[in-house]
Every structure is written in structure tokens, then in C-alpha cells.
Protein backbone atom coordinates (compact mmCIF):
# COMPACT_ATOMS: atom_id res chain seq x y z
CA UNK A 1 4.95 9.70 4.31
CA UNK A 2 1.47 8.55 3.51
CA UNK A 3 -1.17 10.97 4.57
CA UNK A 4 -4.01 10.01 6.84
CA UNK A 5 -6.35 10.57 3.86
CA UNK A 6 -4.47 8.01 1.74
CA UNK A 7 -4.46 5.52 4.57
CA UNK A 8 -8.22 5.99 5.13
CA UNK A 9 -8.82 5.48 1.42
CA UNK A 10 -6.96 2.16 1.50
CA UNK A 11 -8.96 1.01 4.51
CA UNK A 12 -12.18 2.00 2.77
CA UNK A 13 -11.17 -0.07 -0.29
CA UNK A 14 -10.53 -3.11 1.91
CA UNK A 15 -13.91 -2.72 3.64
CA UNK A 16 -15.57 -2.39 0.24
CA UNK A 17 -13.87 -5.51 -1.01
CA UNK A 18 -15.06 -7.45 2.05
CA UNK A 19 -18.66 -6.25 1.45
CA UNK A 20 -18.45 -7.26 -2.23
CA UNK A 21 -17.18 -10.71 -1.34
CA UNK A 22 -20.02 -11.12 1.15
CA UNK A 23 -22.49 -10.01 -1.48
CA UNK A 24 -21.01 -12.47 -3.98
CA UNK A 25 -21.64 -15.28 -1.53
CA UNK A 26 -25.36 -14.55 -1.55
CA UNK A 27 -25.81 -14.37 -5.32
CA UNK A 28 -27.51 -17.20 -7.18
CA UNK A 29 -26.36 -18.60 -10.52
CA UNK A 30 -29.39 -17.12 -12.27
CA UNK A 31 -28.49 -13.56 -11.33
CA UNK A 32 -26.26 -12.96 -14.35
CA UNK A 33 -26.72 -9.18 -14.51
CA UNK A 34 -25.98 -8.77 -10.82
CA UNK A 35 -22.99 -11.09 -11.17
CA UNK A 36 -21.57 -9.02 -14.02
CA UNK A 37 -22.09 -5.78 -12.04
CA UNK A 38 -20.46 -7.37 -9.03
CA UNK A 39 -17.46 -8.53 -11.07
CA UNK A 40 -17.03 -4.98 -12.40
CA UNK A 41 -17.15 -3.56 -8.84
CA UNK A 42 -14.63 -6.15 -7.60
CA UNK A 43 -12.24 -5.35 -10.47
CA UNK A 44 -12.52 -1.61 -9.81
CA UNK A 45 -11.82 -2.16 -6.13
CA UNK A 46 -8.97 -4.51 -6.91
CA UNK A 47 -7.29 -1.97 -9.16
CA UNK A 48 -7.60 0.70 -6.44
CA UNK A 49 -5.96 -1.68 -3.98
CA UNK A 50 -3.15 -2.43 -6.45
CA UNK A 51 -2.46 1.29 -6.75
CA UNK A 52 -2.46 1.70 -2.97
CA UNK A 53 0.00 -1.24 -2.67
CA UNK A 54 2.27 0.37 -5.25
CA UNK A 55 2.27 3.58 -3.21
CA UNK A 56 3.18 1.72 -0.05
CA UNK A 57 5.95 -0.13 -1.91
CA UNK A 58 7.35 3.17 -3.15
CA UNK A 59 7.29 4.60 0.38
CA UNK A 60 9.09 1.50 1.71
CA UNK A 61 11.73 1.81 -1.00
CA UNK A 62 12.25 5.48 -0.19
CA UNK A 63 12.51 4.71 3.52
CA UNK A 64 15.16 2.07 2.76
CA UNK A 65 17.16 4.55 0.69
CA UNK A 66 16.95 7.17 3.46
CA UNK A 67 18.01 4.59 6.09
CA UNK A 68 20.98 3.60 3.98
CA UNK A 69 21.96 7.24 3.46
CA UNK A 70 21.67 7.97 7.17
CA UNK A 71 23.84 4.96 8.01
CA UNK A 72 26.48 6.02 5.51
CA UNK A 73 26.49 9.56 6.91
CA UNK A 74 26.84 8.19 10.44
CA UNK A 75 29.73 5.87 9.47
CA UNK A 76 31.47 8.75 7.64
CA UNK A 77 31.12 11.14 10.58
CA UNK A 78 32.52 8.50 12.96
CA UNK A 79 35.53 7.91 10.70
CA UNK A 80 36.32 11.59 10.64
CA UNK A 81 36.04 11.90 14.40
CA UNK A 82 38.41 9.02 14.89
CA UNK A 83 41.04 10.62 12.65
CA UNK A 84 40.83 13.91 14.56
CA UNK A 85 41.51 12.27 17.88
CA UNK A 86 44.49 10.24 16.72
């Protein structure tokens, strides 16, 4: 499972992205240096969010596999119980 630290890191990235978007709204067209710096910050934040999304996707995939395995184990145990009582 994802740790609290990983979850907090994802939330921090989302907050940072919101701040960067707000900052982008205040920039003027003549602020080319600030705009380039902002684009770099946004790209860095975006790549961090993509990595966090991939981790969540992997966890979901693992949970699905575990759920399927538990269901198969349960069905198998019920079949064996039914054969014993017949």
C-alpha cells in the first residue's frame, strides 16, 4: 500500500501545480524569462505527478490481482467443502 509519505508527496505536487497555474495567470507577455522558468517548473511538477499516477496504477493492478486470487481461493475452498459433505 502507498505510504502516508507518498500520499503527502502527491498532494504537495498538486498544490504546487495549482500555485504555478495561478502564477502563470498573472504573468505578462513581456516576462519571457519568468515564463520560461515557469514552464520548466510546470514540466517538472507534471513529470512528478505522472510518476505518482503510475505508482497508483500499479497499486490498483496489484489490488485487482489479489482480489482475483482471494476469490479463486474462496471458490476452491467452497467446492472442497461441498464434496466432503456429499
